[in-house]
Amino acid sequence: MMDAIPATAIPGFKLGNAHDLAAATGCTVILCPAGAVAGVDVRGGAPGTRETDLLRPENYVEKIHAVLLAGGSAFGLDAASGVMAWLEERGIGFDVGVAKVPIVAGAVLFDLPCGDPSVRPDKAMGYAACQAAEQGSFAEGTAGAGAGATVGKFFGMDHAMKGGLGAYAVKVGDLIVGAVVAVNCLGDVVDPDSGRIIAGACRQDPFAFLGSEDGMIARYGRTGNLFAGNTTIGAILTNAALTKAQAAKIASMAHNGYARTMRPAHTMVDGDTVFCLSAGDVTADTSVVGLLAARVMARAVLRAVTEATSLAGIKAARDIKKD
């Protein structure tokens, strides 16, 4: 029997957010103080990442201590310094003899067109996200790395809708698999069961979805960097016992959750990235963990947009019913 559980209930992990809603940006941290085996799969054509090479199976370090998801484009990677500082203060890190070096992987999304582009996640915000995680303070929707996230931008920001931060987890026997994701895609977010667009490129008066994929096909000759900025970044969290190679494979399979819900996904102007973190000893088939990872990621993507609230003049999915 498969039961839904809070993503904050996965053993070995702590989740926290920090954001500036006036500027419409923020960051989310996934702490694993005891260390977690990790893998990553980067599919988008415009990624912004940190310490992803270290996660390759052939490389030396076996465990990481945190994953940072942040807005602010490449500027937002600065927030990882705050995460490192918080971990170092607590003596958490890879022991190199003269110091313990916290291993913090991360990825950023492009949210500069929403809110104030001069404000980005920084060291102080990364540190604050760790404090929130320690206190058990975590929220979905317009929060953390999803604060300034938007979706459906092919026709321009005037037709975009609010993205956000989503989380979802399940338990099957002793096995737990969960997902955390900040959704900021170029395309539309679609319910895979019904095929119905939940949030995406739209027009007002009367409200209607424009259909990003159809629009892109019709304008196939339109080339170059024509979009407002995108990228969906997320992580799979599990108590399954994994090697780095298995974690990388599960991160790869979790991208199926992106493809089921975001249309299109993995474009040249999305930096779509998925991490996979293992902090447990439950024996489980890698393929089963991977298929569950795709399922929970899809549900987390949907929650990101359905839990979001409007911000900086960008309409959220929950506002549609009021029109």
C-alpha atoms as a PDB file:
ATOM      1  CA  MET A   1       0.000   0.000   0.000  1.00  0.00           C
ATOM      2  CA  MET A   2       1.314   3.447  -0.936  1.00  0.00           C
ATOM      3  CA  ASP A   3       0.590   6.328   1.431  1.00  0.00           C
ATOM      4  CA  ALA A   4       1.307  10.029   0.952  1.00  0.00           C
ATOM      5  CA  ILE A   5       3.407  11.583   3.715  1.00  0.00           C
ATOM      6  CA  PRO A   6       4.784  15.095   4.280  1.00  0.00           C
ATOM      7  CA  ALA A   7       8.077  15.684   2.495  1.00  0.00           C
ATOM      8  CA  THR A   8       9.349  17.121   5.777  1.00  0.00           C
ATOM      9  CA  ALA A   9       8.904  13.670   7.389  1.00  0.00           C
ATOM     10  CA  ILE A  10      11.629  11.927   5.368  1.00  0.00           C
ATOM     11  CA  PRO A  11      14.330  10.783   7.831  1.00  0.00           C
ATOM     12  CA  GLY A  12      17.769  12.301   7.400  1.00  0.00           C
ATOM     13  CA  PHE A  13      16.623  15.528   5.736  1.00  0.00           C
ATOM     14  CA  LYS A  14      15.554  18.999   6.839  1.00  0.00           C
ATOM     15  CA  LEU A  15      13.853  21.453   4.477  1.00  0.00           C
ATOM     16  CA  GLY A  16      13.842  25.226   4.816  1.00  0.00           C
ATOM     17  CA  ASN A  17      13.065  28.371   2.828  1.00  0.00           C
ATOM     18  CA  ALA A  18      14.123  31.986   2.840  1.00  0.00           C
ATOM     19  CA  HIS A  19      12.793  34.644   0.484  1.00  0.00           C
ATOM     20  CA  ASP A  20      12.167  38.298  -0.191  1.00  0.00           C
ATOM     21  CA  LEU A  21       8.613  38.493  -1.504  1.00  0.00           C
ATOM     22  CA  ALA A  22       8.882  42.229  -2.187  1.00  0.00           C
ATOM     23  CA  ALA A  23      11.714  41.457  -4.620  1.00  0.00           C
ATOM     24  CA  ALA A  24      10.168  38.109  -5.668  1.00  0.00           C
ATOM     25  CA  THR A  25      13.139  35.813  -5.146  1.00  0.00           C
ATOM     26  CA  GLY A  26      14.338  33.252  -2.652  1.00  0.00           C
ATOM     27  CA  CYS A  27      16.055  29.969  -1.942  1.00  0.00           C
ATOM     28  CA  THR A  28      15.300  26.536  -0.534  1.00  0.00           C
ATOM     29  CA  VAL A  29      17.772  24.315   1.275  1.00  0.00           C
ATOM     30  CA  ILE A  30      17.731  20.556   1.782  1.00  0.00           C
ATOM     31  CA  LEU A  31      20.010  19.737   4.698  1.00  0.00           C
ATOM     32  CA  CYS A  32      21.406  16.237   5.255  1.00  0.00           C
ATOM     33  CA  PRO A  33      23.730  16.803   8.240  1.00  0.00           C
ATOM     34  CA  ALA A  34      24.743  13.144   8.525  1.00  0.00           C
ATOM     35  CA  GLY A  35      25.545  13.098   4.816  1.00  0.00           C
ATOM     36  CA  ALA A  36      23.689  11.688   1.839  1.00  0.00           C
ATOM     37  CA  VAL A  37      24.805   9.761  -1.203  1.00  0.00           C
ATOM     38  CA  ALA A  38      23.851  11.902  -4.181  1.00  0.00           C
ATOM     39  CA  GLY A  39      23.540  11.913  -7.941  1.00  0.00           C
ATOM     40  CA  VAL A  40      22.375  14.480 -10.467  1.00  0.00           C
ATOM     41  CA  ASP A  41      21.008  14.668 -13.998  1.00  0.00           C
ATOM     42  CA  VAL A  42      21.050  17.955 -15.909  1.00  0.00           C
ATOM     43  CA  ARG A  43      18.791  17.940 -18.972  1.00  0.00           C
ATOM     44  CA  GLY A  44      18.120  21.571 -19.857  1.00  0.00           C
ATOM     45  CA  GLY A  45      20.239  23.567 -22.280  1.00  0.00           C
ATOM     46  CA  ALA A  46      20.908  26.512 -19.957  1.00  0.00           C
ATOM     47  CA  PRO A  47      21.860  25.190 -16.510  1.00  0.00           C
ATOM     48  CA  GLY A  48      23.296  27.064 -13.560  1.00  0.00           C
ATOM     49  CA  THR A  49      24.771  24.576 -11.092  1.00  0.00           C
ATOM     50  CA  ARG A  50      27.300  24.035  -8.303  1.00  0.00           C
ATOM     51  CA  GLU A  51      29.357  20.931  -7.390  1.00  0.00           C
ATOM     52  CA  THR A  52      27.600  18.705  -9.920  1.00  0.00           C
ATOM     53  CA  ASP A  53      30.873  17.246 -11.249  1.00  0.00           C
ATOM     54  CA  LEU A  54      31.684  16.053  -7.747  1.00  0.00           C
ATOM     55  CA  LEU A  55      28.568  13.855  -7.870  1.00  0.00           C
ATOM     56  CA  ARG A  56      29.842  11.818 -10.803  1.00  0.00           C
ATOM     57  CA  PRO A  57      30.201   8.172  -9.698  1.00  0.00           C
ATOM     58  CA  GLU A  58      33.930   8.012 -10.460  1.00  0.00           C
ATOM     59  CA  ASN A  59      34.778  11.033  -8.303  1.00  0.00           C
ATOM     60  CA  TYR A  60      36.096  10.850  -4.765  1.00  0.00           C
ATOM     61  CA  VAL A  61      33.601  12.389  -2.318  1.00  0.00           C
ATOM     62  CA  GLU A  62      30.852   9.916  -1.478  1.00  0.00           C
ATOM     63  CA  LYS A  63      28.379  12.083   0.452  1.00  0.00           C
ATOM     64  CA  ILE A  64      27.103  15.652   0.439  1.00  0.00           C
ATOM     65  CA  HIS A  65      25.631  17.708   3.272  1.00  0.00           C
ATOM     66  CA  ALA A  66      23.115  19.972   1.537  1.00  0.00           C
ATOM     67  CA  VAL A  67      21.451  20.888  -1.724  1.00  0.00           C
ATOM     68  CA  LEU A  68      20.590  24.496  -2.482  1.00  0.00           C
ATOM     69  CA  LEU A  69      17.809  25.451  -4.887  1.00  0.00           C
ATOM     70  CA  ALA A  70      17.756  29.184  -5.577  1.00  0.00           C
ATOM     71  CA  GLY A  71      16.428  31.972  -7.726  1.00  0.00           C
ATOM     72  CA  GLY A  72      18.573  34.844  -8.926  1.00  0.00           C
ATOM     73  CA  SER A  73      20.129  33.151 -11.956  1.00  0.00           C
ATOM     74  CA  ALA A  74      23.918  32.690 -11.571  1.00  0.00           C
ATOM     75  CA  PHE A  75      23.925  35.377  -8.870  1.00  0.00           C
ATOM     76  CA  GLY A  76      21.866  33.065  -6.651  1.00  0.00           C
ATOM     77  CA  LEU A  77      24.711  30.565  -6.331  1.00  0.00           C
ATOM     78  CA  ASP A  78      26.122  32.961  -3.732  1.00  0.00           C
ATOM     79  CA  ALA A  79      23.504  31.638  -1.276  1.00  0.00           C
ATOM     80  CA  ALA A  80      25.477  28.395  -1.050  1.00  0.00           C
ATOM     81  CA  SER A  81      28.128  30.313   0.917  1.00  0.00           C
ATOM     82  CA  GLY A  82      25.560  30.857   3.652  1.00  0.00           C
ATOM     83  CA  VAL A  83      24.701  27.162   3.685  1.00  0.00           C
ATOM     84  CA  MET A  84      28.399  26.304   3.990  1.00  0.00           C
ATOM     85  CA  ALA A  85      28.820  28.774   6.844  1.00  0.00           C
ATOM     86  CA  TRP A  86      25.863  27.328   8.743  1.00  0.00           C
ATOM     87  CA  LEU A  87      27.155  23.774   8.352  1.00  0.00           C
ATOM     88  CA  GLU A  88      30.747  24.693   9.232  1.00  0.00           C
ATOM     89  CA  GLU A  89      29.615  26.335  12.469  1.00  0.00           C
ATOM     90  CA  ARG A  90      28.184  22.962  13.481  1.00  0.00           C
ATOM     91  CA  GLY A  91      31.249  20.965  12.531  1.00  0.00           C
ATOM     92  CA  ILE A  92      29.554  19.352   9.545  1.00  0.00           C
ATOM     93  CA  GLY A  93      31.599  18.634   6.446  1.00  0.00           C
ATOM     94  CA  PHE A  94      34.145  16.485   4.659  1.00  0.00           C
ATOM     95  CA  ASP A  95      37.119  16.052   6.971  1.00  0.00           C
ATOM     96  CA  VAL A  96      40.327  17.214   5.282  1.00  0.00           C
ATOM     97  CA  GLY A  97      42.382  17.222   8.476  1.00  0.00           C
ATOM     98  CA  VAL A  98      42.773  20.950   8.955  1.00  0.00           C
ATOM     99  CA  ALA A  99      39.075  21.662   8.497  1.00  0.00           C
ATOM    100  CA  LYS A 100      35.728  20.138   7.711  1.00  0.00           C
ATOM    101  CA  VAL A 101      34.508  21.286   4.318  1.00  0.00           C
ATOM    102  CA  PRO A 102      30.721  21.181   3.879  1.00  0.00           C
ATOM    103  CA  ILE A 103      29.780  19.722   0.514  1.00  0.00           C
ATOM    104  CA  VAL A 104      26.907  21.796  -0.860  1.00  0.00           C
ATOM    105  CA  ALA A 105      25.544  21.069  -4.314  1.00  0.00           C
ATOM    106  CA  GLY A 106      23.102  23.441  -5.921  1.00  0.00           C
ATOM    107  CA  ALA A 107      21.202  24.761  -8.899  1.00  0.00           C
ATOM    108  CA  VAL A 108      19.598  28.082  -9.757  1.00  0.00           C
ATOM    109  CA  LEU A 109      16.665  29.257 -11.833  1.00  0.00           C
ATOM    110  CA  PHE A 110      16.158  32.515 -13.711  1.00  0.00           C
ATOM    111  CA  ASP A 111      13.553  34.647 -11.887  1.00  0.00           C
ATOM    112  CA  LEU A 112      14.981  38.118 -12.567  1.00  0.00           C
ATOM    113  CA  PRO A 113      11.998  39.315 -14.709  1.00  0.00           C
ATOM    114  CA  CYS A 114       9.633  38.856 -11.728  1.00  0.00           C
ATOM    115  CA  GLY A 115       9.996  41.526  -9.047  1.00  0.00           C
ATOM    116  CA  ASP A 116      13.244  43.419  -8.461  1.00  0.00           C
ATOM    117  CA  PRO A 117      16.100  41.994 -10.577  1.00  0.00           C
ATOM    118  CA  SER A 118      18.719  43.763  -8.441  1.00  0.00           C
ATOM    119  CA  VAL A 119      17.845  41.598  -5.404  1.00  0.00           C
ATOM    120  CA  ARG A 120      19.050  37.980  -5.477  1.00  0.00           C
ATOM    121  CA  PRO A 121      19.610  35.185  -2.977  1.00  0.00           C
ATOM    122  CA  ASP A 122      22.900  35.814  -1.163  1.00  0.00           C
ATOM    123  CA  LYS A 123      24.948  34.394   1.682  1.00  0.00           C
ATOM    124  CA  ALA A 124      22.604  35.823   4.330  1.00  0.00           C
ATOM    125  CA  MET A 125      19.555  34.312   2.637  1.00  0.00           C
ATOM    126  CA  GLY A 126      21.218  30.908   2.340  1.00  0.00           C
ATOM    127  CA  TYR A 127      22.059  31.006   6.037  1.00  0.00           C
ATOM    128  CA  ALA A 128      18.481  32.023   6.878  1.00  0.00           C
ATOM    129  CA  ALA A 129      17.136  29.068   4.889  1.00  0.00           C
ATOM    130  CA  CYS A 130      19.263  26.735   7.042  1.00  0.00           C
ATOM    131  CA  GLN A 131      17.909  28.346  10.190  1.00  0.00           C
ATOM    132  CA  ALA A 132      14.371  27.799   8.884  1.00  0.00           C
ATOM    133  CA  ALA A 133      15.181  24.151   8.156  1.00  0.00           C
ATOM    134  CA  GLU A 134      16.507  23.662  11.676  1.00  0.00           C
ATOM    135  CA  GLN A 135      13.265  25.137  13.035  1.00  0.00           C
ATOM    136  CA  GLY A 136      11.105  22.967  10.761  1.00  0.00           C
ATOM    137  CA  SER A 137       9.806  25.963   8.811  1.00  0.00           C
ATOM    138  CA  PHE A 138       8.942  24.981   5.246  1.00  0.00           C
ATOM    139  CA  ALA A 139       6.122  26.030   2.917  1.00  0.00           C
ATOM    140  CA  GLU A 140       5.107  25.365  -0.677  1.00  0.00           C
ATOM    141  CA  GLY A 141       3.849  27.694  -3.395  1.00  0.00           C
ATOM    142  CA  THR A 142       5.176  31.245  -3.540  1.00  0.00           C
ATOM    143  CA  ALA A 143       8.058  30.513  -1.198  1.00  0.00           C
ATOM    144  CA  GLY A 144      11.764  29.781  -1.193  1.00  0.00           C
ATOM    145  CA  ALA A 145      13.231  29.038  -4.603  1.00  0.00           C
ATOM    146  CA  GLY A 146       9.725  29.277  -6.043  1.00  0.00           C
ATOM    147  CA  ALA A 147       9.078  32.830  -4.815  1.00  0.00           C
ATOM    148  CA  GLY A 148       9.748  34.478  -8.175  1.00  0.00           C
ATOM    149  CA  ALA A 149       9.132  31.458 -10.388  1.00  0.00           C
ATOM    150  CA  THR A 150       6.851  31.815 -13.412  1.00  0.00           C
ATOM    151  CA  VAL A 151       5.577  29.495 -16.148  1.00  0.00           C
ATOM    152  CA  GLY A 152       4.321  29.851 -19.714  1.00  0.00           C
ATOM    153  CA  LYS A 153       6.689  32.544 -21.027  1.00  0.00           C
ATOM    154  CA  PHE A 154       6.950  31.793 -24.738  1.00  0.00           C
ATOM    155  CA  PHE A 155       4.562  34.650 -25.588  1.00  0.00           C
ATOM    156  CA  GLY A 156       6.266  37.022 -23.128  1.00  0.00           C
ATOM    157  CA  MET A 157       5.925  37.857 -19.446  1.00  0.00           C
ATOM    158  CA  ASP A 158       2.613  39.655 -20.075  1.00  0.00           C
ATOM    159  CA  HIS A 159       1.116  36.210 -20.736  1.00  0.00           C
ATOM    160  CA  ALA A 160       2.940  34.246 -18.011  1.00  0.00           C
ATOM    161  CA  MET A 161       1.500  32.733 -14.843  1.00  0.00           C
ATOM    162  CA  LYS A 162       2.943  32.059 -11.410  1.00  0.00           C
ATOM    163  CA  GLY A 163       5.173  29.064 -10.808  1.00  0.00           C
ATOM    164  CA  GLY A 164       6.270  28.017  -7.366  1.00  0.00           C
ATOM    165  CA  LEU A 165       7.740  25.468  -4.987  1.00  0.00           C
ATOM    166  CA  GLY A 166       6.167  22.038  -4.576  1.00  0.00           C
ATOM    167  CA  ALA A 167       6.826  18.914  -2.516  1.00  0.00           C
ATOM    168  CA  TYR A 168       5.320  15.444  -2.374  1.00  0.00           C
ATOM    169  CA  ALA A 169       6.363  12.141  -0.800  1.00  0.00           C
ATOM    170  CA  VAL A 170       5.082   8.576  -0.527  1.00  0.00           C
ATOM    171  CA  LYS A 171       5.787   5.573   1.677  1.00  0.00           C
ATOM    172  CA  VAL A 172       5.538   1.978   0.472  1.00  0.00           C
ATOM    173  CA  GLY A 173       6.316  -0.438   3.281  1.00  0.00           C
ATOM    174  CA  ASP A 174       9.641   0.797   4.660  1.00  0.00           C
ATOM    175  CA  LEU A 175      10.563   2.658   1.465  1.00  0.00           C
ATOM    176  CA  ILE A 176      10.131   6.446   1.280  1.00  0.00           C
ATOM    177  CA  VAL A 177      10.551   8.530  -1.868  1.00  0.00           C
ATOM    178  CA  GLY A 178       9.854  12.256  -2.009  1.00  0.00           C
ATOM    179  CA  ALA A 179      10.418  15.252  -4.267  1.00  0.00           C
ATOM    180  CA  VAL A 180      11.013  18.971  -3.830  1.00  0.00           C
ATOM    181  CA  VAL A 181      10.899  21.177  -6.921  1.00  0.00           C
ATOM    182  CA  ALA A 182      10.908  24.837  -7.934  1.00  0.00           C
ATOM    183  CA  VAL A 183       8.897  25.152 -11.153  1.00  0.00           C
ATOM    184  CA  ASN A 184       9.926  27.966 -13.497  1.00  0.00           C
ATOM    185  CA  CYS A 185       9.455  26.422 -16.944  1.00  0.00           C
ATOM    186  CA  LEU A 186       9.207  28.046 -20.354  1.00  0.00           C
ATOM    187  CA  GLY A 187       6.194  25.883 -21.171  1.00  0.00           C
ATOM    188  CA  ASP A 188       2.841  25.072 -19.599  1.00  0.00           C
ATOM    189  CA  VAL A 189       2.167  22.870 -16.571  1.00  0.00           C
ATOM    190  CA  VAL A 190      -0.262  20.105 -17.485  1.00  0.00           C
ATOM    191  CA  ASP A 191      -2.195  17.563 -15.404  1.00  0.00           C
ATOM    192  CA  PRO A 192      -0.942  14.298 -16.941  1.00  0.00           C
ATOM    193  CA  ASP A 193      -4.131  12.427 -16.018  1.00  0.00           C
ATOM    194  CA  SER A 194      -6.519  14.774 -17.816  1.00  0.00           C
ATOM    195  CA  GLY A 195      -4.198  16.554 -20.251  1.00  0.00           C
ATOM    196  CA  ARG A 196      -5.629  19.839 -18.947  1.00  0.00           C
ATOM    197  CA  ILE A 197      -3.327  22.861 -18.636  1.00  0.00           C
ATOM    198  CA  ILE A 198      -3.152  23.939 -14.971  1.00  0.00           C
ATOM    199  CA  ALA A 199      -0.958  27.006 -15.462  1.00  0.00           C
ATOM    200  CA  GLY A 200       0.822  28.462 -18.453  1.00  0.00           C
ATOM    201  CA  ALA A 201       0.786  31.044 -21.199  1.00  0.00           C
ATOM    202  CA  CYS A 202      -2.595  32.765 -21.164  1.00  0.00           C
ATOM    203  CA  ARG A 203      -4.619  35.766 -22.249  1.00  0.00           C
ATOM    204  CA  GLN A 204      -7.060  37.832 -20.211  1.00  0.00           C
ATOM    205  CA  ASP A 205     -10.601  39.133 -20.927  1.00  0.00           C
ATOM    206  CA  PRO A 206     -11.720  36.467 -21.463  1.00  0.00           C
ATOM    207  CA  PHE A 207      -9.210  34.173 -19.809  1.00  0.00           C
ATOM    208  CA  ALA A 208      -7.844  31.396 -22.033  1.00  0.00           C
ATOM    209  CA  PHE A 209      -4.683  29.341 -22.247  1.00  0.00           C
ATOM    210  CA  LEU A 210      -2.666  29.981 -25.407  1.00  0.00           C
ATOM    211  CA  GLY A 211      -0.930  26.611 -25.631  1.00  0.00           C
ATOM    212  CA  SER A 212       2.849  27.008 -25.519  1.00  0.00           C
ATOM    213  CA  GLU A 213       3.743  23.926 -27.556  1.00  0.00           C
ATOM    214  CA  ASP A 214       1.335  24.795 -30.367  1.00  0.00           C
ATOM    215  CA  GLY A 215       2.601  28.369 -30.333  1.00  0.00           C
ATOM    216  CA  MET A 216       6.201  27.253 -30.572  1.00  0.00           C
ATOM    217  CA  ILE A 217       5.437  24.884 -33.440  1.00  0.00           C
ATOM    218  CA  ALA A 218       3.606  27.598 -35.349  1.00  0.00           C
ATOM    219  CA  ARG A 219       6.605  29.905 -34.897  1.00  0.00           C
ATOM    220  CA  TYR A 220       9.296  27.324 -35.596  1.00  0.00           C
ATOM    221  CA  GLY A 221      11.447  29.861 -37.441  1.00  0.00           C
ATOM    222  CA  ARG A 222      11.757  32.075 -34.386  1.00  0.00           C
ATOM    223  CA  THR A 223      15.300  31.480 -33.107  1.00  0.00           C
ATOM    224  CA  GLY A 224      17.713  32.982 -30.640  1.00  0.00           C
ATOM    225  CA  ASN A 225      17.428  33.891 -26.973  1.00  0.00           C
ATOM    226  CA  LEU A 226      13.854  35.125 -27.182  1.00  0.00           C
ATOM    227  CA  PHE A 227      12.480  34.055 -23.815  1.00  0.00           C
ATOM    228  CA  ALA A 228      12.217  35.687 -20.422  1.00  0.00           C
ATOM    229  CA  GLY A 229      14.230  33.108 -18.483  1.00  0.00           C
ATOM    230  CA  ASN A 230      13.340  29.702 -17.177  1.00  0.00           C
ATOM    231  CA  THR A 231      14.582  26.463 -15.533  1.00  0.00           C
ATOM    232  CA  THR A 232      12.978  23.955 -13.171  1.00  0.00           C
ATOM    233  CA  ILE A 233      15.202  22.582 -10.404  1.00  0.00           C
ATOM    234  CA  GLY A 234      14.415  19.842  -7.939  1.00  0.00           C
ATOM    235  CA  ALA A 235      15.568  16.922  -5.834  1.00  0.00           C
ATOM    236  CA  ILE A 236      14.474  13.400  -4.998  1.00  0.00           C
ATOM    237  CA  LEU A 237      14.878  12.392  -1.345  1.00  0.00           C
ATOM    238  CA  THR A 238      14.803   8.747  -0.312  1.00  0.00           C
ATOM    239  CA  ASN A 239      15.719   6.327   2.459  1.00  0.00           C
ATOM    240  CA  ALA A 240      16.680   3.673  -0.102  1.00  0.00           C
ATOM    241  CA  ALA A 241      20.294   2.533   0.132  1.00  0.00           C
ATOM    242  CA  LEU A 242      21.936   3.772  -3.081  1.00  0.00           C
ATOM    243  CA  THR A 243      25.336   4.111  -4.680  1.00  0.00           C
ATOM    244  CA  LYS A 244      26.248   7.331  -6.477  1.00  0.00           C
ATOM    245  CA  ALA A 245      25.613   5.608  -9.818  1.00  0.00           C
ATOM    246  CA  GLN A 246      22.179   4.430  -8.710  1.00  0.00           C
ATOM    247  CA  ALA A 247      21.340   7.913  -7.404  1.00  0.00           C
ATOM    248  CA  ALA A 248      22.288   9.385 -10.787  1.00  0.00           C
ATOM    249  CA  LYS A 249      20.040   6.880 -12.551  1.00  0.00           C
ATOM    250  CA  ILE A 250      17.112   7.727 -10.288  1.00  0.00           C
ATOM    251  CA  ALA A 251      17.669  11.440 -10.919  1.00  0.00           C
ATOM    252  CA  SER A 252      17.496  10.613 -14.626  1.00  0.00           C
ATOM    253  CA  MET A 253      14.231   8.699 -14.221  1.00  0.00           C
ATOM    254  CA  ALA A 254      12.774  11.524 -12.126  1.00  0.00           C
ATOM    255  CA  HIS A 255      13.012  13.769 -15.184  1.00  0.00           C
ATOM    256  CA  ASN A 256      10.059  11.750 -16.502  1.00  0.00           C
ATOM    257  CA  GLY A 257       8.027  13.635 -13.909  1.00  0.00           C
ATOM    258  CA  TYR A 258       9.085  16.880 -15.586  1.00  0.00           C
ATOM    259  CA  ALA A 259       8.183  15.576 -19.030  1.00  0.00           C
ATOM    260  CA  ARG A 260       4.746  14.382 -17.885  1.00  0.00           C
ATOM    261  CA  THR A 261       3.789  17.752 -16.436  1.00  0.00           C
ATOM    262  CA  MET A 262       5.742  20.476 -18.271  1.00  0.00           C
ATOM    263  CA  ARG A 263       5.198  20.919 -21.978  1.00  0.00           C
ATOM    264  CA  PRO A 264       7.702  21.338 -23.389  1.00  0.00           C
ATOM    265  CA  ALA A 265      10.385  20.345 -20.885  1.00  0.00           C
ATOM    266  CA  HIS A 266      14.187  20.369 -21.274  1.00  0.00           C
ATOM    267  CA  THR A 267      14.296  23.141 -23.890  1.00  0.00           C
ATOM    268  CA  MET A 268      17.464  25.000 -24.831  1.00  0.00           C
ATOM    269  CA  VAL A 269      16.394  27.876 -22.578  1.00  0.00           C
ATOM    270  CA  ASP A 270      15.558  25.708 -19.547  1.00  0.00           C
ATOM    271  CA  GLY A 271      18.341  24.503 -17.247  1.00  0.00           C
ATOM    272  CA  ASP A 272      16.243  21.621 -15.910  1.00  0.00           C
ATOM    273  CA  THR A 273      18.130  19.758 -13.183  1.00  0.00           C
ATOM    274  CA  VAL A 274      17.258  16.954 -10.750  1.00  0.00           C
ATOM    275  CA  PHE A 275      19.342  15.798  -7.792  1.00  0.00           C
ATOM    276  CA  CYS A 276      18.785  12.508  -5.984  1.00  0.00           C
ATOM    277  CA  LEU A 277      19.767  12.146  -2.322  1.00  0.00           C
ATOM    278  CA  SER A 278      19.894   8.890  -0.361  1.00  0.00           C
ATOM    279  CA  ALA A 279      20.038   8.971   3.437  1.00  0.00           C
ATOM    280  CA  GLY A 280      18.921   5.506   4.457  1.00  0.00           C
ATOM    281  CA  ASP A 281      19.538   1.787   4.398  1.00  0.00           C
ATOM    282  CA  VAL A 282      16.313   0.368   2.981  1.00  0.00           C
ATOM    283  CA  THR A 283      16.941  -2.249   0.298  1.00  0.00           C
ATOM    284  CA  ALA A 284      14.967  -1.423  -2.845  1.00  0.00           C
ATOM    285  CA  ASP A 285      15.182  -2.087  -6.563  1.00  0.00           C
ATOM    286  CA  THR A 286      16.633   0.922  -8.372  1.00  0.00           C
ATOM    287  CA  SER A 287      13.979   0.807 -11.088  1.00  0.00           C
ATOM    288  CA  VAL A 288      11.186   0.858  -8.514  1.00  0.00           C
ATOM    289  CA  VAL A 289      12.723   3.828  -6.719  1.00  0.00           C
ATOM    290  CA  GLY A 290      13.107   5.528 -10.097  1.00  0.00           C
ATOM    291  CA  LEU A 291       9.513   5.032 -11.173  1.00  0.00           C
ATOM    292  CA  LEU A 292       8.323   6.302  -7.801  1.00  0.00           C
ATOM    293  CA  ALA A 293      10.680   9.271  -8.199  1.00  0.00           C
ATOM    294  CA  ALA A 294       8.978  10.165 -11.487  1.00  0.00           C
ATOM    295  CA  ARG A 295       5.557   9.901  -9.831  1.00  0.00           C
ATOM    296  CA  VAL A 296       6.340  12.059  -6.820  1.00  0.00           C
ATOM    297  CA  MET A 297       8.154  14.596  -8.991  1.00  0.00           C
ATOM    298  CA  ALA A 298       5.093  14.956 -11.219  1.00  0.00           C
ATOM    299  CA  ARG A 299       2.869  15.485  -8.170  1.00  0.00           C
ATOM    300  CA  ALA A 300       5.339  18.002  -6.714  1.00  0.00           C
ATOM    301  CA  VAL A 301       5.330  19.981  -9.977  1.00  0.00           C
ATOM    302  CA  LEU A 302       1.528  20.197  -9.876  1.00  0.00           C
ATOM    303  CA  ARG A 303       1.581  21.266  -6.228  1.00  0.00           C
ATOM    304  CA  ALA A 304       4.090  23.994  -7.051  1.00  0.00           C
ATOM    305  CA  VAL A 305       1.600  25.790  -9.274  1.00  0.00           C
ATOM    306  CA  THR A 306      -1.623  24.928  -7.416  1.00  0.00           C
ATOM    307  CA  GLU A 307      -0.180  26.094  -4.076  1.00  0.00           C
ATOM    308  CA  ALA A 308       1.266  29.305  -5.554  1.00  0.00           C
ATOM    309  CA  THR A 309      -0.274  32.702  -4.958  1.00  0.00           C
ATOM    310  CA  SER A 310      -0.083  35.722  -7.239  1.00  0.00           C
ATOM    311  CA  LEU A 311       2.928  38.009  -6.875  1.00  0.00           C
ATOM    312  CA  ALA A 312       4.388  41.002  -8.704  1.00  0.00           C
ATOM    313  CA  GLY A 313       1.302  41.187 -10.911  1.00  0.00           C
ATOM    314  CA  ILE A 314       1.597  37.564 -12.068  1.00  0.00           C
ATOM    315  CA  LYS A 315      -1.632  35.558 -11.867  1.00  0.00           C
ATOM    316  CA  ALA A 316      -1.616  32.186 -10.077  1.00  0.00           C
ATOM    317  CA  ALA A 317      -3.584  29.054 -10.984  1.00  0.00           C
ATOM    318  CA  ARG A 318      -5.811  29.467  -7.930  1.00  0.00           C
ATOM    319  CA  ASP A 319      -6.941  32.857  -9.287  1.00  0.00           C
ATOM    320  CA  ILE A 320      -8.453  31.354 -12.442  1.00  0.00           C
ATOM    321  CA  LYS A 321     -11.565  30.073 -10.662  1.00  0.00           C
ATOM    322  CA  LYS A 322     -12.309  33.559  -9.412  1.00  0.00           C
ATOM    323  CA  ASP A 323     -12.589  35.044 -12.911  1.00  0.00           C
END
